[in-house]
């Protein structure tokens, strides 16, 4: 029995600005800092590979000192809206109703909610009362792919069922106003907010790329490379500058054995559906695969248009491929990285 991805749909927050329009706010924020440091930060934003980003808060609110409670309250309210709108869009694309879903996975790491987002979706959309819930909260950028893997495993054991995976993230809600570290600044330069929903099905007559295989890869002794530290002012970003180099070192072990167990090589992959973690990671991936005649143009486009939206970002890349009506038999490799440190992989066939 095959499991297919039948639709993907994104939802963007209402506030948006070009990167060049954020520079005046940065200048005010950095007004007490050394001039050389200020120029370095501005240049970092301008060269981050992100032209525009979206947010659950306007720039004035992002650069206003607020408590963790105030930011998390905005996150909770807006995350529910974004999740609901993206799920409705994905259901409409698949010609389904909310009560056609049997399994719901919600993914987010940029705020704290109990009950989780899925509980609100079930109530707001009057989904099945016996729907199976799974909130995924602590896998960061990898969780969009992780959620699809969990859904696939559920559907593989349950014929004629459907699952929804909803990823909602607001990295701007984690921005630390009093933190002038390069980690806080780099994360502000590359991250944006967004949501995306994916519908999967184990009905034989429903159309979409099949999930041929999936796997996770865990890096040893790398727990401190990426994540959040819970401080009094919220979720403080942890981001080691060695992440791109570490990914590059592990890439052969992440990609080639996974493909080999499916009796194919990278030459047999038509489409690379990669999470754009940031400009350096994108360049690392491009350097590794460009010589093989592969491109990650869609990954670069998503970073440029929206920034890194943590778990939701790779789903934005996937939606671009879903909208292309690819030829039957085309293969795609989905890949994302996240705290742990880990890599999540999915092999798709159209």
C-alpha atoms as a PDB file:
ATOM      1  CA  UNK A   1       0.000   0.000   0.000  1.00  0.00           C
ATOM      2  CA  UNK A   2       1.359   3.399  -0.964  1.00  0.00           C
ATOM      3  CA  UNK A   3       1.157   6.667   0.939  1.00  0.00           C
ATOM      4  CA  UNK A   4       0.912   9.825  -1.152  1.00  0.00           C
ATOM      5  CA  UNK A   5       1.190  13.545  -0.541  1.00  0.00           C
ATOM      6  CA  UNK A   6      -1.992  14.925  -2.093  1.00  0.00           C
ATOM      7  CA  UNK A   7      -1.672  18.656  -1.399  1.00  0.00           C
ATOM      8  CA  UNK A   8       0.461  21.359   0.201  1.00  0.00           C
ATOM      9  CA  UNK A   9      -0.592  24.929   0.998  1.00  0.00           C
ATOM     10  CA  UNK A  10       1.140  27.827   2.728  1.00  0.00           C
ATOM     11  CA  UNK A  11      -0.194  30.741   4.732  1.00  0.00           C
ATOM     12  CA  UNK A  12       1.772  33.921   5.363  1.00  0.00           C
ATOM     13  CA  UNK A  13       1.280  36.374   8.255  1.00  0.00           C
ATOM     14  CA  UNK A  14      -0.200  39.779   7.513  1.00  0.00           C
ATOM     15  CA  UNK A  15       2.919  41.876   8.226  1.00  0.00           C
ATOM     16  CA  UNK A  16       5.705  41.971   5.661  1.00  0.00           C
ATOM     17  CA  UNK A  17       8.693  44.160   4.814  1.00  0.00           C
ATOM     18  CA  UNK A  18      11.610  44.102   2.431  1.00  0.00           C
ATOM     19  CA  UNK A  19      14.970  43.704   4.126  1.00  0.00           C
ATOM     20  CA  UNK A  20      15.966  47.214   3.027  1.00  0.00           C
ATOM     21  CA  UNK A  21      12.954  48.577   4.938  1.00  0.00           C
ATOM     22  CA  UNK A  22      14.128  46.914   8.156  1.00  0.00           C
ATOM     23  CA  UNK A  23      17.513  48.689   8.096  1.00  0.00           C
ATOM     24  CA  UNK A  24      16.158  51.922   9.693  1.00  0.00           C
ATOM     25  CA  UNK A  25      14.863  49.889  12.651  1.00  0.00           C
ATOM     26  CA  UNK A  26      18.244  48.201  12.957  1.00  0.00           C
ATOM     27  CA  UNK A  27      19.975  51.582  13.013  1.00  0.00           C
ATOM     28  CA  UNK A  28      17.818  52.685  15.930  1.00  0.00           C
ATOM     29  CA  UNK A  29      18.334  49.360  17.740  1.00  0.00           C
ATOM     30  CA  UNK A  30      22.110  49.588  17.256  1.00  0.00           C
ATOM     31  CA  UNK A  31      22.393  53.296  18.103  1.00  0.00           C
ATOM     32  CA  UNK A  32      24.404  52.663  21.267  1.00  0.00           C
ATOM     33  CA  UNK A  33      26.795  50.215  19.644  1.00  0.00           C
ATOM     34  CA  UNK A  34      30.234  50.749  18.089  1.00  0.00           C
ATOM     35  CA  UNK A  35      30.004  52.177  14.555  1.00  0.00           C
ATOM     36  CA  UNK A  36      32.110  49.396  13.071  1.00  0.00           C
ATOM     37  CA  UNK A  37      29.882  46.767  14.683  1.00  0.00           C
ATOM     38  CA  UNK A  38      26.760  48.575  13.435  1.00  0.00           C
ATOM     39  CA  UNK A  39      28.045  48.527   9.840  1.00  0.00           C
ATOM     40  CA  UNK A  40      28.869  44.830  10.173  1.00  0.00           C
ATOM     41  CA  UNK A  41      25.316  44.021  11.300  1.00  0.00           C
ATOM     42  CA  UNK A  42      23.727  46.053   8.495  1.00  0.00           C
ATOM     43  CA  UNK A  43      25.930  44.327   5.933  1.00  0.00           C
ATOM     44  CA  UNK A  44      25.017  40.952   7.375  1.00  0.00           C
ATOM     45  CA  UNK A  45      21.309  41.680   6.872  1.00  0.00           C
ATOM     46  CA  UNK A  46      21.877  42.992   3.354  1.00  0.00           C
ATOM     47  CA  UNK A  47      23.895  39.907   2.345  1.00  0.00           C
ATOM     48  CA  UNK A  48      21.800  37.224   4.059  1.00  0.00           C
ATOM     49  CA  UNK A  49      20.060  36.121   0.850  1.00  0.00           C
ATOM     50  CA  UNK A  50      16.650  37.175   2.200  1.00  0.00           C
ATOM     51  CA  UNK A  51      14.901  39.957   0.276  1.00  0.00           C
ATOM     52  CA  UNK A  52      11.603  39.887   2.143  1.00  0.00           C
ATOM     53  CA  UNK A  53      10.159  38.324   5.269  1.00  0.00           C
ATOM     54  CA  UNK A  54       6.746  38.016   6.898  1.00  0.00           C
ATOM     55  CA  UNK A  55       5.880  38.304  10.554  1.00  0.00           C
ATOM     56  CA  UNK A  56       3.044  37.930  13.051  1.00  0.00           C
ATOM     57  CA  UNK A  57       4.157  41.331  14.420  1.00  0.00           C
ATOM     58  CA  UNK A  58       4.953  44.583  12.675  1.00  0.00           C
ATOM     59  CA  UNK A  59       8.542  45.820  12.846  1.00  0.00           C
ATOM     60  CA  UNK A  60       7.665  48.388  15.537  1.00  0.00           C
ATOM     61  CA  UNK A  61       6.447  45.573  17.787  1.00  0.00           C
ATOM     62  CA  UNK A  62       9.484  43.367  17.095  1.00  0.00           C
ATOM     63  CA  UNK A  63      11.832  46.189  18.147  1.00  0.00           C
ATOM     64  CA  UNK A  64       9.765  47.154  21.206  1.00  0.00           C
ATOM     65  CA  UNK A  65      10.736  45.718  24.559  1.00  0.00           C
ATOM     66  CA  UNK A  66       8.053  43.248  25.612  1.00  0.00           C
ATOM     67  CA  UNK A  67       7.923  40.355  28.042  1.00  0.00           C
ATOM     68  CA  UNK A  68       8.047  36.685  27.143  1.00  0.00           C
ATOM     69  CA  UNK A  69       4.396  36.466  28.213  1.00  0.00           C
ATOM     70  CA  UNK A  70       3.361  39.262  25.827  1.00  0.00           C
ATOM     71  CA  UNK A  71       5.250  37.776  22.873  1.00  0.00           C
ATOM     72  CA  UNK A  72       3.973  34.282  23.555  1.00  0.00           C
ATOM     73  CA  UNK A  73       0.396  35.536  23.773  1.00  0.00           C
ATOM     74  CA  UNK A  74       0.725  37.046  20.283  1.00  0.00           C
ATOM     75  CA  UNK A  75       2.354  33.833  19.044  1.00  0.00           C
ATOM     76  CA  UNK A  76      -0.484  31.670  20.418  1.00  0.00           C
ATOM     77  CA  UNK A  77      -3.222  33.818  18.900  1.00  0.00           C
ATOM     78  CA  UNK A  78      -1.606  34.201  15.480  1.00  0.00           C
ATOM     79  CA  UNK A  79      -0.305  30.617  15.215  1.00  0.00           C
ATOM     80  CA  UNK A  80      -3.842  29.255  15.491  1.00  0.00           C
ATOM     81  CA  UNK A  81      -5.017  31.569  12.683  1.00  0.00           C
ATOM     82  CA  UNK A  82      -2.123  30.708  10.374  1.00  0.00           C
ATOM     83  CA  UNK A  83      -2.526  26.986  11.009  1.00  0.00           C
ATOM     84  CA  UNK A  84      -6.258  27.111  10.333  1.00  0.00           C
ATOM     85  CA  UNK A  85      -5.953  29.133   7.120  1.00  0.00           C
ATOM     86  CA  UNK A  86      -3.192  26.919   5.706  1.00  0.00           C
ATOM     87  CA  UNK A  87      -5.085  23.732   6.573  1.00  0.00           C
ATOM     88  CA  UNK A  88      -8.281  25.007   4.925  1.00  0.00           C
ATOM     89  CA  UNK A  89      -6.292  25.845   1.769  1.00  0.00           C
ATOM     90  CA  UNK A  90      -4.665  22.398   1.687  1.00  0.00           C
ATOM     91  CA  UNK A  91      -8.029  20.694   2.173  1.00  0.00           C
ATOM     92  CA  UNK A  92      -9.534  22.731  -0.654  1.00  0.00           C
ATOM     93  CA  UNK A  93      -6.658  21.775  -2.964  1.00  0.00           C
ATOM     94  CA  UNK A  94      -7.323  18.106  -2.201  1.00  0.00           C
ATOM     95  CA  UNK A  95     -11.133  18.563  -2.470  1.00  0.00           C
ATOM     96  CA  UNK A  96     -11.582  17.438   1.136  1.00  0.00           C
ATOM     97  CA  UNK A  97     -13.446  18.592   4.239  1.00  0.00           C
ATOM     98  CA  UNK A  98     -12.000  18.920   7.761  1.00  0.00           C
ATOM     99  CA  UNK A  99     -13.757  15.764   8.940  1.00  0.00           C
ATOM    100  CA  UNK A 100     -12.050  13.749   6.199  1.00  0.00           C
ATOM    101  CA  UNK A 101      -8.826  13.842   8.227  1.00  0.00           C
ATOM    102  CA  UNK A 102      -8.055  10.918  10.553  1.00  0.00           C
ATOM    103  CA  UNK A 103      -4.670  11.958  11.936  1.00  0.00           C
ATOM    104  CA  UNK A 104      -3.403  15.454  12.729  1.00  0.00           C
ATOM    105  CA  UNK A 105       0.203  16.434  13.426  1.00  0.00           C
ATOM    106  CA  UNK A 106       1.031  20.004  14.393  1.00  0.00           C
ATOM    107  CA  UNK A 107       4.612  21.237  14.380  1.00  0.00           C
ATOM    108  CA  UNK A 108       6.053  24.332  16.058  1.00  0.00           C
ATOM    109  CA  UNK A 109       9.078  25.255  18.172  1.00  0.00           C
ATOM    110  CA  UNK A 110       8.911  29.055  18.404  1.00  0.00           C
ATOM    111  CA  UNK A 111       6.291  29.394  21.131  1.00  0.00           C
ATOM    112  CA  UNK A 112       4.711  27.454  23.962  1.00  0.00           C
ATOM    113  CA  UNK A 113       1.066  26.352  23.973  1.00  0.00           C
ATOM    114  CA  UNK A 114      -0.845  23.844  26.097  1.00  0.00           C
ATOM    115  CA  UNK A 115      -3.208  22.686  24.714  1.00  0.00           C
ATOM    116  CA  UNK A 116      -1.333  22.572  21.421  1.00  0.00           C
ATOM    117  CA  UNK A 117      -2.484  24.087  18.126  1.00  0.00           C
ATOM    118  CA  UNK A 118      -4.196  20.888  16.946  1.00  0.00           C
ATOM    119  CA  UNK A 119      -6.754  21.093  19.752  1.00  0.00           C
ATOM    120  CA  UNK A 120      -7.914  24.485  18.494  1.00  0.00           C
ATOM    121  CA  UNK A 121      -8.073  23.270  14.887  1.00  0.00           C
ATOM    122  CA  UNK A 122     -10.217  20.293  15.897  1.00  0.00           C
ATOM    123  CA  UNK A 123     -12.670  22.608  17.654  1.00  0.00           C
ATOM    124  CA  UNK A 124     -12.656  25.471  15.143  1.00  0.00           C
ATOM    125  CA  UNK A 125     -13.097  23.214  12.101  1.00  0.00           C
ATOM    126  CA  UNK A 126     -15.261  20.557  13.807  1.00  0.00           C
ATOM    127  CA  UNK A 127     -12.895  17.774  12.851  1.00  0.00           C
ATOM    128  CA  UNK A 128     -13.549  14.154  13.847  1.00  0.00           C
ATOM    129  CA  UNK A 129     -13.942  13.615  17.561  1.00  0.00           C
ATOM    130  CA  UNK A 130     -11.840  10.435  17.321  1.00  0.00           C
ATOM    131  CA  UNK A 131      -9.050  12.062  15.299  1.00  0.00           C
ATOM    132  CA  UNK A 132      -5.563  10.993  16.407  1.00  0.00           C
ATOM    133  CA  UNK A 133      -3.399  13.922  17.582  1.00  0.00           C
ATOM    134  CA  UNK A 134       0.372  14.343  17.653  1.00  0.00           C
ATOM    135  CA  UNK A 135       1.939  17.724  18.509  1.00  0.00           C
ATOM    136  CA  UNK A 136       5.664  17.948  17.702  1.00  0.00           C
ATOM    137  CA  UNK A 137       7.349  20.779  19.584  1.00  0.00           C
ATOM    138  CA  UNK A 138      11.106  20.368  19.935  1.00  0.00           C
ATOM    139  CA  UNK A 139      12.599  19.306  16.578  1.00  0.00           C
ATOM    140  CA  UNK A 140      13.133  22.766  15.096  1.00  0.00           C
ATOM    141  CA  UNK A 141      13.776  23.109  11.371  1.00  0.00           C
ATOM    142  CA  UNK A 142      13.682  19.326  10.844  1.00  0.00           C
ATOM    143  CA  UNK A 143      10.142  18.920  12.139  1.00  0.00           C
ATOM    144  CA  UNK A 144       8.291  19.585   8.876  1.00  0.00           C
ATOM    145  CA  UNK A 145       9.884  16.504   7.330  1.00  0.00           C
ATOM    146  CA  UNK A 146       9.624  14.618  10.640  1.00  0.00           C
ATOM    147  CA  UNK A 147       5.881  15.251  10.721  1.00  0.00           C
ATOM    148  CA  UNK A 148       5.497  13.802   7.221  1.00  0.00           C
ATOM    149  CA  UNK A 149       7.501  10.734   8.297  1.00  0.00           C
ATOM    150  CA  UNK A 150       5.237  10.181  11.331  1.00  0.00           C
ATOM    151  CA  UNK A 151       2.124  10.623   9.174  1.00  0.00           C
ATOM    152  CA  UNK A 152       3.438   8.203   6.560  1.00  0.00           C
ATOM    153  CA  UNK A 153       4.096   5.517   9.174  1.00  0.00           C
ATOM    154  CA  UNK A 154       0.560   5.905  10.562  1.00  0.00           C
ATOM    155  CA  UNK A 155      -1.028   5.731   7.115  1.00  0.00           C
ATOM    156  CA  UNK A 156       1.081   2.766   6.022  1.00  0.00           C
ATOM    157  CA  UNK A 157      -0.543   0.775   8.832  1.00  0.00           C
ATOM    158  CA  UNK A 158      -4.027   2.147   8.164  1.00  0.00           C
ATOM    159  CA  UNK A 159      -5.504   1.843   4.652  1.00  0.00           C
ATOM    160  CA  UNK A 160      -8.056   4.381   3.469  1.00  0.00           C
ATOM    161  CA  UNK A 161      -7.079   7.067   5.958  1.00  0.00           C
ATOM    162  CA  UNK A 162      -5.786  10.626   5.645  1.00  0.00           C
ATOM    163  CA  UNK A 163      -3.401  12.741   7.688  1.00  0.00           C
ATOM    164  CA  UNK A 164      -2.682  16.453   7.960  1.00  0.00           C
ATOM    165  CA  UNK A 165       0.701  17.868   8.945  1.00  0.00           C
ATOM    166  CA  UNK A 166       0.606  21.547   9.907  1.00  0.00           C
ATOM    167  CA  UNK A 167       3.824  23.486  10.575  1.00  0.00           C
ATOM    168  CA  UNK A 168       3.557  26.972  12.092  1.00  0.00           C
ATOM    169  CA  UNK A 169       6.545  29.046  13.145  1.00  0.00           C
ATOM    170  CA  UNK A 170       7.279  32.581  14.351  1.00  0.00           C
ATOM    171  CA  UNK A 171      11.026  33.032  14.834  1.00  0.00           C
ATOM    172  CA  UNK A 172      10.496  36.793  15.097  1.00  0.00           C
ATOM    173  CA  UNK A 173       8.711  36.134  18.405  1.00  0.00           C
ATOM    174  CA  UNK A 174      12.026  34.795  19.734  1.00  0.00           C
ATOM    175  CA  UNK A 175      14.079  37.925  18.886  1.00  0.00           C
ATOM    176  CA  UNK A 176      15.973  39.133  21.970  1.00  0.00           C
ATOM    177  CA  UNK A 177      15.990  42.934  22.113  1.00  0.00           C
ATOM    178  CA  UNK A 178      18.809  43.209  24.673  1.00  0.00           C
ATOM    179  CA  UNK A 179      21.012  40.563  23.059  1.00  0.00           C
ATOM    180  CA  UNK A 180      23.644  41.950  20.659  1.00  0.00           C
ATOM    181  CA  UNK A 181      25.358  38.602  20.118  1.00  0.00           C
ATOM    182  CA  UNK A 182      26.042  37.467  16.557  1.00  0.00           C
ATOM    183  CA  UNK A 183      23.786  34.436  17.118  1.00  0.00           C
ATOM    184  CA  UNK A 184      20.775  36.661  17.837  1.00  0.00           C
ATOM    185  CA  UNK A 185      21.665  38.944  14.936  1.00  0.00           C
ATOM    186  CA  UNK A 186      22.268  36.162  12.394  1.00  0.00           C
ATOM    187  CA  UNK A 187      18.992  34.467  13.320  1.00  0.00           C
ATOM    188  CA  UNK A 188      17.143  37.786  12.949  1.00  0.00           C
ATOM    189  CA  UNK A 189      18.744  38.271   9.528  1.00  0.00           C
ATOM    190  CA  UNK A 190      17.707  34.909   8.077  1.00  0.00           C
ATOM    191  CA  UNK A 191      14.445  33.974   9.817  1.00  0.00           C
ATOM    192  CA  UNK A 192      10.829  34.877   9.041  1.00  0.00           C
ATOM    193  CA  UNK A 193       7.377  33.630  10.045  1.00  0.00           C
ATOM    194  CA  UNK A 194       5.008  31.350   8.159  1.00  0.00           C
ATOM    195  CA  UNK A 195       2.795  28.268   8.131  1.00  0.00           C
ATOM    196  CA  UNK A 196       2.166  25.368   5.781  1.00  0.00           C
ATOM    197  CA  UNK A 197      -0.106  22.320   5.728  1.00  0.00           C
ATOM    198  CA  UNK A 198       0.387  18.978   3.994  1.00  0.00           C
ATOM    199  CA  UNK A 199      -2.323  16.384   3.312  1.00  0.00           C
ATOM    200  CA  UNK A 200      -1.309  12.725   2.993  1.00  0.00           C
ATOM    201  CA  UNK A 201      -3.467   9.768   1.995  1.00  0.00           C
ATOM    202  CA  UNK A 202      -3.432   5.973   1.959  1.00  0.00           C
ATOM    203  CA  UNK A 203      -6.401   5.820  -0.447  1.00  0.00           C
ATOM    204  CA  UNK A 204      -5.247   4.054  -3.624  1.00  0.00           C
ATOM    205  CA  UNK A 205      -7.313   6.296  -5.920  1.00  0.00           C
ATOM    206  CA  UNK A 206      -5.970   9.617  -4.607  1.00  0.00           C
ATOM    207  CA  UNK A 207      -3.207  11.335  -6.552  1.00  0.00           C
ATOM    208  CA  UNK A 208       0.157  12.778  -5.579  1.00  0.00           C
ATOM    209  CA  UNK A 209       3.811  11.834  -5.224  1.00  0.00           C
ATOM    210  CA  UNK A 210       4.362   8.560  -3.378  1.00  0.00           C
ATOM    211  CA  UNK A 211       6.615   8.374  -0.353  1.00  0.00           C
ATOM    212  CA  UNK A 212       9.021   5.609  -1.373  1.00  0.00           C
ATOM    213  CA  UNK A 213      11.222   5.702   1.710  1.00  0.00           C
ATOM    214  CA  UNK A 214      12.138   7.868   4.697  1.00  0.00           C
ATOM    215  CA  UNK A 215      14.903   7.941   7.282  1.00  0.00           C
ATOM    216  CA  UNK A 216      16.463   9.989  10.047  1.00  0.00           C
ATOM    217  CA  UNK A 217      20.174  10.565  10.596  1.00  0.00           C
ATOM    218  CA  UNK A 218      21.550  11.670  13.954  1.00  0.00           C
ATOM    219  CA  UNK A 219      24.875  13.408  14.485  1.00  0.00           C
ATOM    220  CA  UNK A 220      26.717  12.317  17.634  1.00  0.00           C
ATOM    221  CA  UNK A 221      27.888  14.874  20.201  1.00  0.00           C
ATOM    222  CA  UNK A 222      26.201  17.798  18.464  1.00  0.00           C
ATOM    223  CA  UNK A 223      23.365  18.636  20.878  1.00  0.00           C
ATOM    224  CA  UNK A 224      24.653  22.164  21.480  1.00  0.00           C
ATOM    225  CA  UNK A 225      24.899  23.175  17.810  1.00  0.00           C
ATOM    226  CA  UNK A 226      21.354  24.411  17.343  1.00  0.00           C
ATOM    227  CA  UNK A 227      18.259  25.028  19.442  1.00  0.00           C
ATOM    228  CA  UNK A 228      16.758  27.404  21.991  1.00  0.00           C
ATOM    229  CA  UNK A 229      17.620  28.263  25.578  1.00  0.00           C
ATOM    230  CA  UNK A 230      14.636  29.241  27.703  1.00  0.00           C
ATOM    231  CA  UNK A 231      15.514  32.517  29.435  1.00  0.00           C
ATOM    232  CA  UNK A 232      13.391  35.088  31.271  1.00  0.00           C
ATOM    233  CA  UNK A 233      12.886  37.064  28.042  1.00  0.00           C
ATOM    234  CA  UNK A 234      11.828  34.079  25.968  1.00  0.00           C
ATOM    235  CA  UNK A 235      13.458  31.564  23.662  1.00  0.00           C
ATOM    236  CA  UNK A 236      17.075  32.529  23.034  1.00  0.00           C
ATOM    237  CA  UNK A 237      18.571  31.123  19.830  1.00  0.00           C
ATOM    238  CA  UNK A 238      21.496  28.695  19.883  1.00  0.00           C
ATOM    239  CA  UNK A 239      23.254  28.513  16.505  1.00  0.00           C
ATOM    240  CA  UNK A 240      26.818  27.301  16.129  1.00  0.00           C
ATOM    241  CA  UNK A 241      28.758  28.881  13.257  1.00  0.00           C
ATOM    242  CA  UNK A 242      30.137  25.413  12.442  1.00  0.00           C
ATOM    243  CA  UNK A 243      26.696  24.114  11.317  1.00  0.00           C
ATOM    244  CA  UNK A 244      27.335  24.468   7.517  1.00  0.00           C
ATOM    245  CA  UNK A 245      30.757  22.825   7.795  1.00  0.00           C
ATOM    246  CA  UNK A 246      29.364  19.990   9.933  1.00  0.00           C
ATOM    247  CA  UNK A 247      26.558  19.363   7.453  1.00  0.00           C
ATOM    248  CA  UNK A 248      29.066  19.294   4.602  1.00  0.00           C
ATOM    249  CA  UNK A 249      31.205  16.716   6.411  1.00  0.00           C
ATOM    250  CA  UNK A 250      28.244  14.413   6.996  1.00  0.00           C
ATOM    251  CA  UNK A 251      26.510  14.861   3.639  1.00  0.00           C
ATOM    252  CA  UNK A 252      27.909  11.720   1.963  1.00  0.00           C
ATOM    253  CA  UNK A 253      26.695   9.584   4.883  1.00  0.00           C
ATOM    254  CA  UNK A 254      23.315  11.328   4.932  1.00  0.00           C
ATOM    255  CA  UNK A 255      22.501  11.039   1.223  1.00  0.00           C
ATOM    256  CA  UNK A 256      24.312   8.192  -0.531  1.00  0.00           C
ATOM    257  CA  UNK A 257      23.529   5.191   1.756  1.00  0.00           C
ATOM    258  CA  UNK A 258      19.867   6.263   1.882  1.00  0.00           C
ATOM    259  CA  UNK A 259      19.641   6.278  -1.905  1.00  0.00           C
ATOM    260  CA  UNK A 260      21.657   3.066  -2.218  1.00  0.00           C
ATOM    261  CA  UNK A 261      19.178   1.147  -0.085  1.00  0.00           C
ATOM    262  CA  UNK A 262      16.572   2.145  -2.676  1.00  0.00           C
ATOM    263  CA  UNK A 263      18.798   0.902  -5.528  1.00  0.00           C
ATOM    264  CA  UNK A 264      19.413   4.391  -6.916  1.00  0.00           C
ATOM    265  CA  UNK A 265      22.099   7.093  -6.819  1.00  0.00           C
ATOM    266  CA  UNK A 266      22.016  10.871  -6.772  1.00  0.00           C
ATOM    267  CA  UNK A 267      22.063  10.796 -10.583  1.00  0.00           C
ATOM    268  CA  UNK A 268      18.574   9.247 -10.463  1.00  0.00           C
ATOM    269  CA  UNK A 269      17.158  12.147  -8.432  1.00  0.00           C
ATOM    270  CA  UNK A 270      15.362  14.729 -10.566  1.00  0.00           C
ATOM    271  CA  UNK A 271      14.452  17.250  -7.870  1.00  0.00           C
ATOM    272  CA  UNK A 272      16.176  18.431  -4.691  1.00  0.00           C
ATOM    273  CA  UNK A 273      13.635  19.625  -2.112  1.00  0.00           C
ATOM    274  CA  UNK A 274      15.948  21.039   0.523  1.00  0.00           C
ATOM    275  CA  UNK A 275      15.356  23.180   3.586  1.00  0.00           C
ATOM    276  CA  UNK A 276      17.060  26.581   3.115  1.00  0.00           C
ATOM    277  CA  UNK A 277      18.619  26.932   6.560  1.00  0.00           C
ATOM    278  CA  UNK A 278      20.511  30.054   5.550  1.00  0.00           C
ATOM    279  CA  UNK A 279      22.769  31.430   2.844  1.00  0.00           C
ATOM    280  CA  UNK A 280      25.840  29.470   3.980  1.00  0.00           C
ATOM    281  CA  UNK A 281      23.952  26.175   4.176  1.00  0.00           C
ATOM    282  CA  UNK A 282      22.419  26.805   0.755  1.00  0.00           C
ATOM    283  CA  UNK A 283      25.874  27.472  -0.671  1.00  0.00           C
ATOM    284  CA  UNK A 284      27.188  24.296   0.979  1.00  0.00           C
ATOM    285  CA  UNK A 285      24.451  22.182  -0.605  1.00  0.00           C
ATOM    286  CA  UNK A 286      24.889  23.902  -3.979  1.00  0.00           C
ATOM    287  CA  UNK A 287      28.633  23.258  -3.922  1.00  0.00           C
ATOM    288  CA  UNK A 288      28.042  19.583  -3.167  1.00  0.00           C
ATOM    289  CA  UNK A 289      25.453  18.954  -5.881  1.00  0.00           C
ATOM    290  CA  UNK A 290      26.168  21.573  -8.531  1.00  0.00           C
ATOM    291  CA  UNK A 291      28.972  19.471  -9.972  1.00  0.00           C
ATOM    292  CA  UNK A 292      26.441  16.648 -10.439  1.00  0.00           C
ATOM    293  CA  UNK A 293      24.196  18.816 -12.587  1.00  0.00           C
ATOM    294  CA  UNK A 294      21.600  19.314  -9.833  1.00  0.00           C
ATOM    295  CA  UNK A 295      20.157  22.655  -8.821  1.00  0.00           C
ATOM    296  CA  UNK A 296      18.417  23.945  -5.722  1.00  0.00           C
ATOM    297  CA  UNK A 297      16.813  26.954  -7.396  1.00  0.00           C
ATOM    298  CA  UNK A 298      13.510  26.503  -5.550  1.00  0.00           C
ATOM    299  CA  UNK A 299      15.271  26.262  -2.201  1.00  0.00           C
ATOM    300  CA  UNK A 300      17.129  29.521  -2.923  1.00  0.00           C
ATOM    301  CA  UNK A 301      13.917  31.199  -4.095  1.00  0.00           C
ATOM    302  CA  UNK A 302      12.077  30.328  -0.882  1.00  0.00           C
ATOM    303  CA  UNK A 303      14.909  31.736   1.241  1.00  0.00           C
ATOM    304  CA  UNK A 304      14.930  34.916  -0.840  1.00  0.00           C
ATOM    305  CA  UNK A 305      11.155  35.417  -0.794  1.00  0.00           C
ATOM    306  CA  UNK A 306      10.329  34.408   2.796  1.00  0.00           C
ATOM    307  CA  UNK A 307      13.478  33.684   4.810  1.00  0.00           C
ATOM    308  CA  UNK A 308      13.984  30.599   6.950  1.00  0.00           C
ATOM    309  CA  UNK A 309      10.657  29.800   8.673  1.00  0.00           C
ATOM    310  CA  UNK A 310      12.060  26.858  10.631  1.00  0.00           C
ATOM    311  CA  UNK A 311       9.957  23.685  10.201  1.00  0.00           C
ATOM    312  CA  UNK A 312       7.558  25.204   7.654  1.00  0.00           C
ATOM    313  CA  UNK A 313      10.242  26.257   5.155  1.00  0.00           C
ATOM    314  CA  UNK A 314      10.893  22.950   3.393  1.00  0.00           C
ATOM    315  CA  UNK A 315       7.131  22.609   2.929  1.00  0.00           C
ATOM    316  CA  UNK A 316       7.170  25.908   0.993  1.00  0.00           C
ATOM    317  CA  UNK A 317       9.795  24.338  -1.260  1.00  0.00           C
ATOM    318  CA  UNK A 318       7.684  21.186  -1.597  1.00  0.00           C
ATOM    319  CA  UNK A 319       4.623  23.234  -2.583  1.00  0.00           C
ATOM    320  CA  UNK A 320       6.541  24.757  -5.478  1.00  0.00           C
ATOM    321  CA  UNK A 321       7.259  21.266  -6.827  1.00  0.00           C
ATOM    322  CA  UNK A 322       3.677  20.103  -6.236  1.00  0.00           C
ATOM    323  CA  UNK A 323       2.402  23.070  -8.252  1.00  0.00           C
ATOM    324  CA  UNK A 324       4.606  22.179 -11.248  1.00  0.00           C
ATOM    325  CA  UNK A 325       2.619  19.076 -12.262  1.00  0.00           C
ATOM    326  CA  UNK A 326       5.794  17.023 -12.624  1.00  0.00           C
ATOM    327  CA  UNK A 327       6.029  14.063 -15.046  1.00  0.00           C
ATOM    328  CA  UNK A 328       5.162  10.588 -13.827  1.00  0.00           C
ATOM    329  CA  UNK A 329       8.240   8.747 -12.592  1.00  0.00           C
ATOM    330  CA  UNK A 330      10.181  11.848 -11.497  1.00  0.00           C
ATOM    331  CA  UNK A 331      11.978  11.388  -8.181  1.00  0.00           C
ATOM    332  CA  UNK A 332      12.518  13.984  -5.479  1.00  0.00           C
ATOM    333  CA  UNK A 333      14.710  13.999  -2.379  1.00  0.00           C
ATOM    334  CA  UNK A 334      13.412  15.983   0.600  1.00  0.00           C
ATOM    335  CA  UNK A 335      15.939  16.941   3.241  1.00  0.00           C
ATOM    336  CA  UNK A 336      15.979  19.140   6.338  1.00  0.00           C
ATOM    337  CA  UNK A 337      18.234  19.620   9.347  1.00  0.00           C
ATOM    338  CA  UNK A 338      17.421  20.446  12.944  1.00  0.00           C
ATOM    339  CA  UNK A 339      18.433  20.430  16.604  1.00  0.00           C
ATOM    340  CA  UNK A 340      19.814  17.247  17.974  1.00  0.00           C
ATOM    341  CA  UNK A 341      21.680  17.544  15.569  1.00  0.00           C
ATOM    342  CA  UNK A 342      19.758  15.553  12.946  1.00  0.00           C
ATOM    343  CA  UNK A 343      18.851  15.231   9.274  1.00  0.00           C
ATOM    344  CA  UNK A 344      15.482  13.976   8.012  1.00  0.00           C
ATOM    345  CA  UNK A 345      15.126  12.474   4.522  1.00  0.00           C
ATOM    346  CA  UNK A 346      12.195  11.469   2.314  1.00  0.00           C
ATOM    347  CA  UNK A 347      12.323   9.898  -1.151  1.00  0.00           C
ATOM    348  CA  UNK A 348       9.366  10.846  -3.358  1.00  0.00           C
ATOM    349  CA  UNK A 349       8.196   9.522  -6.708  1.00  0.00           C
ATOM    350  CA  UNK A 350       5.638  11.309  -8.866  1.00  0.00           C
END
